[in-house]
Amino acid sequence: AFEKKKPDKVSVCSGLISFVGIMFFFLDSLSAGGMAG
């Protein structure tokens, strides 16, 4: 956004993988009540 350094394939892949991992945290929170946290 600020240095116009366009993300490469490694960055995009890493971001997508992280997003998948994040979803697992929120699946756990559906029963644990930690969504806001």
PDB file of all heavy atoms in Angstrom:
ATOM      1  N   ALA A   1       0.804  -1.217   0.000  1.00  0.00           N
ATOM      2  CA  ALA A   1       0.000   0.000   0.000  1.00  0.00           C
ATOM      3  C   ALA A   1       0.843   1.277   0.000  1.00  0.00           C
ATOM      4  O   ALA A   1       0.523   2.237  -0.708  1.00  0.00           O
ATOM      5  CB  ALA A   1      -0.940   0.005   1.203  1.00  0.00           C
ATOM      6  N   PHE A   2       1.929   1.264   0.783  1.00  0.00           N
ATOM      7  CA  PHE A   2       2.668   2.510   0.988  1.00  0.00           C
ATOM      8  C   PHE A   2       4.003   2.577   0.248  1.00  0.00           C
ATOM      9  O   PHE A   2       4.525   3.666   0.024  1.00  0.00           O
ATOM     10  CB  PHE A   2       2.900   2.727   2.488  1.00  0.00           C
ATOM     11  CG  PHE A   2       1.634   2.980   3.247  1.00  0.00           C
ATOM     12  CD1 PHE A   2       1.040   1.965   3.988  1.00  0.00           C
ATOM     13  CD2 PHE A   2       1.021   4.222   3.211  1.00  0.00           C
ATOM     14  CE1 PHE A   2      -0.143   2.185   4.686  1.00  0.00           C
ATOM     15  CE2 PHE A   2      -0.154   4.457   3.896  1.00  0.00           C
ATOM     16  CZ  PHE A   2      -0.746   3.436   4.639  1.00  0.00           C
ATOM     17  N   GLU A   3       4.569   1.438  -0.113  1.00  0.00           N
ATOM     18  CA  GLU A   3       5.828   1.456  -0.851  1.00  0.00           C
ATOM     19  C   GLU A   3       5.676   0.879  -2.251  1.00  0.00           C
ATOM     20  O   GLU A   3       6.657   0.693  -2.963  1.00  0.00           O
ATOM     21  CB  GLU A   3       6.916   0.688  -0.080  1.00  0.00           C
ATOM     22  CG  GLU A   3       7.295   1.334   1.251  1.00  0.00           C
ATOM     23  CD  GLU A   3       8.487   0.670   1.903  1.00  0.00           C
ATOM     24  OE1 GLU A   3       9.111  -0.220   1.268  1.00  0.00           O
ATOM     25  OE2 GLU A   3       8.813   1.036   3.046  1.00  0.00           O
ATOM     26  N   LYS A   4       4.409   0.587  -2.620  1.00  0.00           N
ATOM     27  CA  LYS A   4       4.095   0.048  -3.948  1.00  0.00           C
ATOM     28  C   LYS A   4       4.886  -1.229  -4.244  1.00  0.00           C
ATOM     29  O   LYS A   4       5.202  -1.521  -5.396  1.00  0.00           O
ATOM     30  CB  LYS A   4       4.383   1.094  -5.033  1.00  0.00           C
ATOM     31  CG  LYS A   4       3.721   2.445  -4.789  1.00  0.00           C
ATOM     32  CD  LYS A   4       2.223   2.331  -4.619  1.00  0.00           C
ATOM     33  CE  LYS A   4       1.592   3.697  -4.325  1.00  0.00           C
ATOM     34  NZ  LYS A   4       0.133   3.596  -4.065  1.00  0.00           N
ATOM     35  N   LYS A   5       5.187  -1.971  -3.180  1.00  0.00           N
ATOM     36  CA  LYS A   5       5.916  -3.222  -3.330  1.00  0.00           C
ATOM     37  C   LYS A   5       4.895  -4.347  -3.475  1.00  0.00           C
ATOM     38  O   LYS A   5       4.394  -4.895  -2.498  1.00  0.00           O
ATOM     39  CB  LYS A   5       6.819  -3.466  -2.109  1.00  0.00           C
ATOM     40  CG  LYS A   5       7.715  -4.676  -2.240  1.00  0.00           C
ATOM     41  CD  LYS A   5       8.619  -4.813  -1.010  1.00  0.00           C
ATOM     42  CE  LYS A   5       9.506  -6.040  -1.120  1.00  0.00           C
ATOM     43  NZ  LYS A   5      10.396  -6.199   0.065  1.00  0.00           N
ATOM     44  N   LYS A   6       4.596  -4.694  -4.722  1.00  0.00           N
ATOM     45  CA  LYS A   6       3.570  -5.683  -5.002  1.00  0.00           C
ATOM     46  C   LYS A   6       3.972  -7.047  -4.456  1.00  0.00           C
ATOM     47  O   LYS A   6       5.102  -7.497  -4.651  1.00  0.00           O
ATOM     48  CB  LYS A   6       3.337  -5.791  -6.509  1.00  0.00           C
ATOM     49  CG  LYS A   6       2.141  -6.638  -6.890  1.00  0.00           C
ATOM     50  CD  LYS A   6       1.905  -6.596  -8.392  1.00  0.00           C
ATOM     51  CE  LYS A   6       0.695  -7.442  -8.771  1.00  0.00           C
ATOM     52  NZ  LYS A   6       0.431  -7.417 -10.230  1.00  0.00           N
ATOM     53  N   PRO A   7       3.061  -7.714  -3.728  1.00  0.00           N
ATOM     54  CA  PRO A   7       3.395  -9.021  -3.151  1.00  0.00           C
ATOM     55  C   PRO A   7       3.678 -10.063  -4.230  1.00  0.00           C
ATOM     56  O   PRO A   7       2.992 -10.115  -5.257  1.00  0.00           O
ATOM     57  CB  PRO A   7       2.135  -9.382  -2.350  1.00  0.00           C
ATOM     58  CG  PRO A   7       1.041  -8.576  -2.962  1.00  0.00           C
ATOM     59  CD  PRO A   7       1.690  -7.296  -3.411  1.00  0.00           C
ATOM     60  N   ASP A   8       4.692 -10.881  -3.990  1.00  0.00           N
ATOM     61  CA  ASP A   8       5.027 -11.932  -4.943  1.00  0.00           C
ATOM     62  C   ASP A   8       4.215 -13.188  -4.644  1.00  0.00           C
ATOM     63  O   ASP A   8       3.370 -13.209  -3.746  1.00  0.00           O
ATOM     64  CB  ASP A   8       6.530 -12.229  -4.894  1.00  0.00           C
ATOM     65  CG  ASP A   8       7.021 -12.542  -3.479  1.00  0.00           C
ATOM     66  OD1 ASP A   8       6.182 -12.949  -2.631  1.00  0.00           O
ATOM     67  OD2 ASP A   8       8.219 -12.374  -3.210  1.00  0.00           O
ATOM     68  N   LYS A   9       4.464 -14.231  -5.409  1.00  0.00           N
ATOM     69  CA  LYS A   9       3.698 -15.473  -5.244  1.00  0.00           C
ATOM     70  C   LYS A   9       3.886 -16.086  -3.863  1.00  0.00           C
ATOM     71  O   LYS A   9       2.957 -16.641  -3.283  1.00  0.00           O
ATOM     72  CB  LYS A   9       4.114 -16.475  -6.330  1.00  0.00           C
ATOM     73  CG  LYS A   9       3.695 -16.073  -7.744  1.00  0.00           C
ATOM     74  CD  LYS A   9       4.108 -17.121  -8.754  1.00  0.00           C
ATOM     75  CE  LYS A   9       3.684 -16.724 -10.159  1.00  0.00           C
ATOM     76  NZ  LYS A   9       4.090 -17.726 -11.183  1.00  0.00           N
ATOM     77  N   VAL A  10       5.121 -15.983  -3.331  1.00  0.00           N
ATOM     78  CA  VAL A  10       5.399 -16.524  -1.999  1.00  0.00           C
ATOM     79  C   VAL A  10       4.540 -15.824  -0.956  1.00  0.00           C
ATOM     80  O   VAL A  10       3.941 -16.463  -0.082  1.00  0.00           O
ATOM     81  CB  VAL A  10       6.896 -16.356  -1.649  1.00  0.00           C
ATOM     82  CG1 VAL A  10       7.149 -16.721  -0.188  1.00  0.00           C
ATOM     83  CG2 VAL A  10       7.753 -17.230  -2.560  1.00  0.00           C
ATOM     84  N   SER A  11       4.460 -14.495  -1.044  1.00  0.00           N
ATOM     85  CA  SER A  11       3.676 -13.719  -0.085  1.00  0.00           C
ATOM     86  C   SER A  11       2.193 -14.063  -0.172  1.00  0.00           C
ATOM     87  O   SER A  11       1.514 -14.231   0.847  1.00  0.00           O
ATOM     88  CB  SER A  11       3.879 -12.223  -0.341  1.00  0.00           C
ATOM     89  OG  SER A  11       5.230 -11.860  -0.189  1.00  0.00           O
ATOM     90  N   VAL A  12       1.689 -14.163  -1.393  1.00  0.00           N
ATOM     91  CA  VAL A  12       0.275 -14.479  -1.585  1.00  0.00           C
ATOM     92  C   VAL A  12      -0.052 -15.865  -1.055  1.00  0.00           C
ATOM     93  O   VAL A  12      -1.048 -16.066  -0.344  1.00  0.00           O
ATOM     94  CB  VAL A  12      -0.107 -14.382  -3.076  1.00  0.00           C
ATOM     95  CG1 VAL A  12      -1.536 -14.867  -3.292  1.00  0.00           C
ATOM     96  CG2 VAL A  12       0.046 -12.947  -3.569  1.00  0.00           C
ATOM     97  N   CYS A  13       0.807 -16.842  -1.377  1.00  0.00           N
ATOM     98  CA  CYS A  13       0.594 -18.214  -0.885  1.00  0.00           C
ATOM     99  C   CYS A  13       0.633 -18.262   0.629  1.00  0.00           C
ATOM    100  O   CYS A  13      -0.197 -18.915   1.278  1.00  0.00           O
ATOM    101  CB  CYS A  13       1.646 -19.149  -1.470  1.00  0.00           C
ATOM    102  SG  CYS A  13       1.440 -19.485  -3.232  1.00  0.00           S
ATOM    103  N   SER A  14       1.603 -17.549   1.212  1.00  0.00           N
ATOM    104  CA  SER A  14       1.728 -17.515   2.666  1.00  0.00           C
ATOM    105  C   SER A  14       0.484 -16.907   3.298  1.00  0.00           C
ATOM    106  O   SER A  14      -0.031 -17.400   4.306  1.00  0.00           O
ATOM    107  CB  SER A  14       2.967 -16.707   3.069  1.00  0.00           C
ATOM    108  OG  SER A  14       3.064 -16.606   4.473  1.00  0.00           O
ATOM    109  N   GLY A  15      -0.024 -15.830   2.688  1.00  0.00           N
ATOM    110  CA  GLY A  15      -1.221 -15.185   3.213  1.00  0.00           C
ATOM    111  C   GLY A  15      -2.440 -16.085   3.152  1.00  0.00           C
ATOM    112  O   GLY A  15      -3.224 -16.150   4.104  1.00  0.00           O
ATOM    113  N   LEU A  16      -2.589 -16.803   2.059  1.00  0.00           N
ATOM    114  CA  LEU A  16      -3.727 -17.716   1.914  1.00  0.00           C
ATOM    115  C   LEU A  16      -3.649 -18.864   2.918  1.00  0.00           C
ATOM    116  O   LEU A  16      -4.665 -19.257   3.514  1.00  0.00           O
ATOM    117  CB  LEU A  16      -3.778 -18.265   0.486  1.00  0.00           C
ATOM    118  CG  LEU A  16      -4.147 -17.258  -0.605  1.00  0.00           C
ATOM    119  CD1 LEU A  16      -4.006 -17.893  -1.987  1.00  0.00           C
ATOM    120  CD2 LEU A  16      -5.555 -16.728  -0.400  1.00  0.00           C
ATOM    121  N   ILE A  17      -2.433 -19.388   3.118  1.00  0.00           N
ATOM    122  CA  ILE A  17      -2.254 -20.484   4.084  1.00  0.00           C
ATOM    123  C   ILE A  17      -2.571 -19.991   5.493  1.00  0.00           C
ATOM    124  O   ILE A  17      -3.236 -20.683   6.275  1.00  0.00           O
ATOM    125  CB  ILE A  17      -0.818 -21.034   4.012  1.00  0.00           C
ATOM    126  CG1 ILE A  17      -0.572 -21.701   2.663  1.00  0.00           C
ATOM    127  CG2 ILE A  17      -0.573 -22.046   5.145  1.00  0.00           C
ATOM    128  CD1 ILE A  17       0.884 -22.069   2.417  1.00  0.00           C
ATOM    129  N   SER A  18      -2.100 -18.782   5.832  1.00  0.00           N
ATOM    130  CA  SER A  18      -2.378 -18.210   7.150  1.00  0.00           C
ATOM    131  C   SER A  18      -3.879 -18.042   7.354  1.00  0.00           C
ATOM    132  O   SER A  18      -4.408 -18.296   8.442  1.00  0.00           O
ATOM    133  CB  SER A  18      -1.691 -16.852   7.306  1.00  0.00           C
ATOM    134  OG  SER A  18      -0.306 -16.992   7.459  1.00  0.00           O
ATOM    135  N   PHE A  19      -4.571 -17.619   6.294  1.00  0.00           N
ATOM    136  CA  PHE A  19      -6.014 -17.420   6.396  1.00  0.00           C
ATOM    137  C   PHE A  19      -6.725 -18.737   6.724  1.00  0.00           C
ATOM    138  O   PHE A  19      -7.653 -18.767   7.532  1.00  0.00           O
ATOM    139  CB  PHE A  19      -6.557 -16.855   5.083  1.00  0.00           C
ATOM    140  CG  PHE A  19      -8.025 -16.534   5.110  1.00  0.00           C
ATOM    141  CD1 PHE A  19      -8.475 -15.389   5.742  1.00  0.00           C
ATOM    142  CD2 PHE A  19      -8.949 -17.389   4.525  1.00  0.00           C
ATOM    143  CE1 PHE A  19      -9.833 -15.097   5.785  1.00  0.00           C
ATOM    144  CE2 PHE A  19     -10.303 -17.104   4.561  1.00  0.00           C
ATOM    145  CZ  PHE A  19     -10.742 -15.952   5.193  1.00  0.00           C
ATOM    146  N   VAL A  20      -6.265 -19.828   6.107  1.00  0.00           N
ATOM    147  CA  VAL A  20      -6.834 -21.152   6.406  1.00  0.00           C
ATOM    148  C   VAL A  20      -6.610 -21.490   7.879  1.00  0.00           C
ATOM    149  O   VAL A  20      -7.513 -21.969   8.572  1.00  0.00           O
ATOM    150  CB  VAL A  20      -6.198 -22.235   5.509  1.00  0.00           C
ATOM    151  CG1 VAL A  20      -6.642 -23.624   5.965  1.00  0.00           C
ATOM    152  CG2 VAL A  20      -6.584 -22.012   4.055  1.00  0.00           C
ATOM    153  N   GLY A  21      -5.379 -21.212   8.363  1.00  0.00           N
ATOM    154  CA  GLY A  21      -5.073 -21.476   9.771  1.00  0.00           C
ATOM    155  C   GLY A  21      -5.943 -20.669  10.710  1.00  0.00           C
ATOM    156  O   GLY A  21      -6.417 -21.164  11.743  1.00  0.00           O
ATOM    157  N   ILE A  22      -6.185 -19.406  10.359  1.00  0.00           N
ATOM    158  CA  ILE A  22      -7.027 -18.529  11.174  1.00  0.00           C
ATOM    159  C   ILE A  22      -8.440 -19.097  11.312  1.00  0.00           C
ATOM    160  O   ILE A  22      -9.055 -19.033  12.376  1.00  0.00           O
ATOM    161  CB  ILE A  22      -7.072 -17.113  10.568  1.00  0.00           C
ATOM    162  CG1 ILE A  22      -5.706 -16.436  10.718  1.00  0.00           C
ATOM    163  CG2 ILE A  22      -8.149 -16.265  11.237  1.00  0.00           C
ATOM    164  CD1 ILE A  22      -5.571 -15.167   9.916  1.00  0.00           C
ATOM    165  N   MET A  23      -8.949 -19.694  10.245  1.00  0.00           N
ATOM    166  CA  MET A  23     -10.290 -20.255  10.276  1.00  0.00           C
ATOM    167  C   MET A  23     -10.416 -21.365  11.333  1.00  0.00           C
ATOM    168  O   MET A  23     -11.462 -21.520  11.955  1.00  0.00           O
ATOM    169  CB  MET A  23     -10.665 -20.806   8.891  1.00  0.00           C
ATOM    170  CG  MET A  23     -10.887 -19.729   7.831  1.00  0.00           C
ATOM    171  SD  MET A  23     -12.193 -18.538   8.246  1.00  0.00           S
ATOM    172  CE  MET A  23     -11.205 -17.155   8.869  1.00  0.00           C
ATOM    173  N   PHE A  24      -9.348 -22.113  11.538  1.00  0.00           N
ATOM    174  CA  PHE A  24      -9.374 -23.174  12.552  1.00  0.00           C
ATOM    175  C   PHE A  24      -9.527 -22.582  13.950  1.00  0.00           C
ATOM    176  O   PHE A  24     -10.214 -23.157  14.798  1.00  0.00           O
ATOM    177  CB  PHE A  24      -8.094 -24.014  12.476  1.00  0.00           C
ATOM    178  CG  PHE A  24      -8.130 -25.069  11.410  1.00  0.00           C
ATOM    179  CD1 PHE A  24      -7.700 -24.814  10.118  1.00  0.00           C
ATOM    180  CD2 PHE A  24      -8.611 -26.338  11.702  1.00  0.00           C
ATOM    181  CE1 PHE A  24      -7.741 -25.788   9.132  1.00  0.00           C
ATOM    182  CE2 PHE A  24      -8.659 -27.327  10.731  1.00  0.00           C
ATOM    183  CZ  PHE A  24      -8.226 -27.050   9.441  1.00  0.00           C
ATOM    184  N   PHE A  25      -8.902 -21.429  14.200  1.00  0.00           N
ATOM    185  CA  PHE A  25      -9.049 -20.773  15.497  1.00  0.00           C
ATOM    186  C   PHE A  25     -10.503 -20.391  15.742  1.00  0.00           C
ATOM    187  O   PHE A  25     -11.032 -20.568  16.838  1.00  0.00           O
ATOM    188  CB  PHE A  25      -8.179 -19.507  15.548  1.00  0.00           C
ATOM    189  CG  PHE A  25      -6.721 -19.785  15.820  1.00  0.00           C
ATOM    190  CD1 PHE A  25      -5.819 -19.881  14.781  1.00  0.00           C
ATOM    191  CD2 PHE A  25      -6.259 -19.937  17.117  1.00  0.00           C
ATOM    192  CE1 PHE A  25      -4.480 -20.122  15.016  1.00  0.00           C
ATOM    193  CE2 PHE A  25      -4.920 -20.181  17.374  1.00  0.00           C
ATOM    194  CZ  PHE A  25      -4.030 -20.271  16.325  1.00  0.00           C
ATOM    195  N   PHE A  26     -11.150 -19.881  14.694  1.00  0.00           N
ATOM    196  CA  PHE A  26     -12.519 -19.426  14.870  1.00  0.00           C
ATOM    197  C   PHE A  26     -13.501 -20.602  14.959  1.00  0.00           C
ATOM    198  O   PHE A  26     -14.543 -20.496  15.595  1.00  0.00           O
ATOM    199  CB  PHE A  26     -12.896 -18.457  13.749  1.00  0.00           C
ATOM    200  CG  PHE A  26     -12.290 -17.100  13.933  1.00  0.00           C
ATOM    201  CD1 PHE A  26     -11.072 -16.782  13.366  1.00  0.00           C
ATOM    202  CD2 PHE A  26     -12.925 -16.150  14.716  1.00  0.00           C
ATOM    203  CE1 PHE A  26     -10.499 -15.538  13.554  1.00  0.00           C
ATOM    204  CE2 PHE A  26     -12.369 -14.909  14.917  1.00  0.00           C
ATOM    205  CZ  PHE A  26     -11.149 -14.591  14.339  1.00  0.00           C
ATOM    206  N   LEU A  27     -13.172 -21.724  14.349  1.00  0.00           N
ATOM    207  CA  LEU A  27     -13.994 -22.920  14.514  1.00  0.00           C
ATOM    208  C   LEU A  27     -13.955 -23.381  15.964  1.00  0.00           C
ATOM    209  O   LEU A  27     -14.975 -23.779  16.532  1.00  0.00           O
ATOM    210  CB  LEU A  27     -13.488 -24.043  13.595  1.00  0.00           C
ATOM    211  CG  LEU A  27     -13.814 -23.901  12.100  1.00  0.00           C
ATOM    212  CD1 LEU A  27     -13.090 -24.992  11.306  1.00  0.00           C
ATOM    213  CD2 LEU A  27     -15.315 -23.980  11.862  1.00  0.00           C
ATOM    214  N   ASP A  28     -12.780 -23.315  16.577  1.00  0.00           N
ATOM    215  CA  ASP A  28     -12.637 -23.672  17.983  1.00  0.00           C
ATOM    216  C   ASP A  28     -13.422 -22.715  18.866  1.00  0.00           C
ATOM    217  O   ASP A  28     -14.007 -23.111  19.868  1.00  0.00           O
ATOM    218  CB  ASP A  28     -11.155 -23.632  18.381  1.00  0.00           C
ATOM    219  CG  ASP A  28     -10.763 -24.814  19.261  1.00  0.00           C
ATOM    220  OD1 ASP A  28     -11.586 -25.741  19.414  1.00  0.00           O
ATOM    221  OD2 ASP A  28      -9.639 -24.817  19.786  1.00  0.00           O
ATOM    222  N   SER A  29     -13.456 -21.458  18.500  1.00  0.00           N
ATOM    223  CA  SER A  29     -14.093 -20.436  19.328  1.00  0.00           C
ATOM    224  C   SER A  29     -15.615 -20.504  19.297  1.00  0.00           C
ATOM    225  O   SER A  29     -16.278 -19.919  20.145  1.00  0.00           O
ATOM    226  CB  SER A  29     -13.650 -19.044  18.865  1.00  0.00           C
ATOM    227  OG  SER A  29     -12.267 -18.876  19.062  1.00  0.00           O
ATOM    228  N   LEU A  30     -16.181 -21.207  18.315  1.00  0.00           N
ATOM    229  CA  LEU A  30     -17.628 -21.342  18.257  1.00  0.00           C
ATOM    230  C   LEU A  30     -18.154 -22.021  19.505  1.00  0.00           C
ATOM    231  O   LEU A  30     -19.242 -21.738  19.982  1.00  0.00           O
ATOM    232  CB  LEU A  30     -18.045 -22.141  17.010  1.00  0.00           C
ATOM    233  CG  LEU A  30     -17.800 -21.443  15.659  1.00  0.00           C
ATOM    234  CD1 LEU A  30     -18.177 -22.386  14.530  1.00  0.00           C
ATOM    235  CD2 LEU A  30     -18.591 -20.147  15.574  1.00  0.00           C
ATOM    236  N   SER A  31     -17.318 -22.908  20.084  1.00  0.00           N
ATOM    237  CA  SER A  31     -17.721 -23.589  21.309  1.00  0.00           C
ATOM    238  C   SER A  31     -17.012 -23.022  22.531  1.00  0.00           C
ATOM    239  O   SER A  31     -17.509 -23.083  23.637  1.00  0.00           O
ATOM    240  CB  SER A  31     -17.418 -25.096  21.199  1.00  0.00           C
ATOM    241  OG  SER A  31     -16.036 -25.302  20.941  1.00  0.00           O
ATOM    242  N   ALA A  32     -15.837 -22.437  22.323  1.00  0.00           N
ATOM    243  CA  ALA A  32     -15.058 -21.943  23.456  1.00  0.00           C
ATOM    244  C   ALA A  32     -15.433 -20.517  23.852  1.00  0.00           C
ATOM    245  O   ALA A  32     -15.078 -20.056  24.930  1.00  0.00           O
ATOM    246  CB  ALA A  32     -13.561 -21.997  23.124  1.00  0.00           C
ATOM    247  N   GLY A  33     -16.144 -19.786  23.005  1.00  0.00           N
ATOM    248  CA  GLY A  33     -16.577 -18.446  23.349  1.00  0.00           C
ATOM    249  C   GLY A  33     -15.495 -17.396  23.261  1.00  0.00           C
ATOM    250  O   GLY A  33     -15.608 -16.335  23.868  1.00  0.00           O
ATOM    251  N   GLY A  34     -14.436 -17.643  22.496  1.00  0.00           N
ATOM    252  CA  GLY A  34     -13.331 -16.685  22.417  1.00  0.00           C
ATOM    253  C   GLY A  34     -13.286 -15.906  21.125  1.00  0.00           C
ATOM    254  O   GLY A  34     -12.234 -15.408  20.742  1.00  0.00           O
ATOM    255  N   MET A  35     -14.414 -15.781  20.428  1.00  0.00           N
ATOM    256  CA  MET A  35     -14.445 -15.118  19.120  1.00  0.00           C
ATOM    257  C   MET A  35     -13.932 -13.685  19.191  1.00  0.00           C
ATOM    258  O   MET A  35     -13.094 -13.272  18.387  1.00  0.00           O
ATOM    259  CB  MET A  35     -15.873 -15.126  18.563  1.00  0.00           C
ATOM    260  CG  MET A  35     -16.007 -14.559  17.171  1.00  0.00           C
ATOM    261  SD  MET A  35     -15.318 -15.677  15.924  1.00  0.00           S
ATOM    262  CE  MET A  35     -16.583 -16.975  15.911  1.00  0.00           C
ATOM    263  N   ALA A  36     -14.432 -12.911  20.152  1.00  0.00           N
ATOM    264  CA  ALA A  36     -14.019 -11.510  20.272  1.00  0.00           C
ATOM    265  C   ALA A  36     -12.529 -11.401  20.555  1.00  0.00           C
ATOM    266  O   ALA A  36     -11.839 -10.528  20.017  1.00  0.00           O
ATOM    267  CB  ALA A  36     -14.818 -10.818  21.377  1.00  0.00           C
ATOM    268  N   GLY A  37     -12.017 -12.297  21.393  1.00  0.00           N
ATOM    269  CA  GLY A  37     -10.594 -12.296  21.707  1.00  0.00           C
ATOM    270  C   GLY A  37      -9.746 -12.581  20.486  1.00  0.00           C
ATOM    271  O   GLY A  37      -8.688 -11.974  20.289  1.00  0.00           O
TER     272      GLY A  37
END
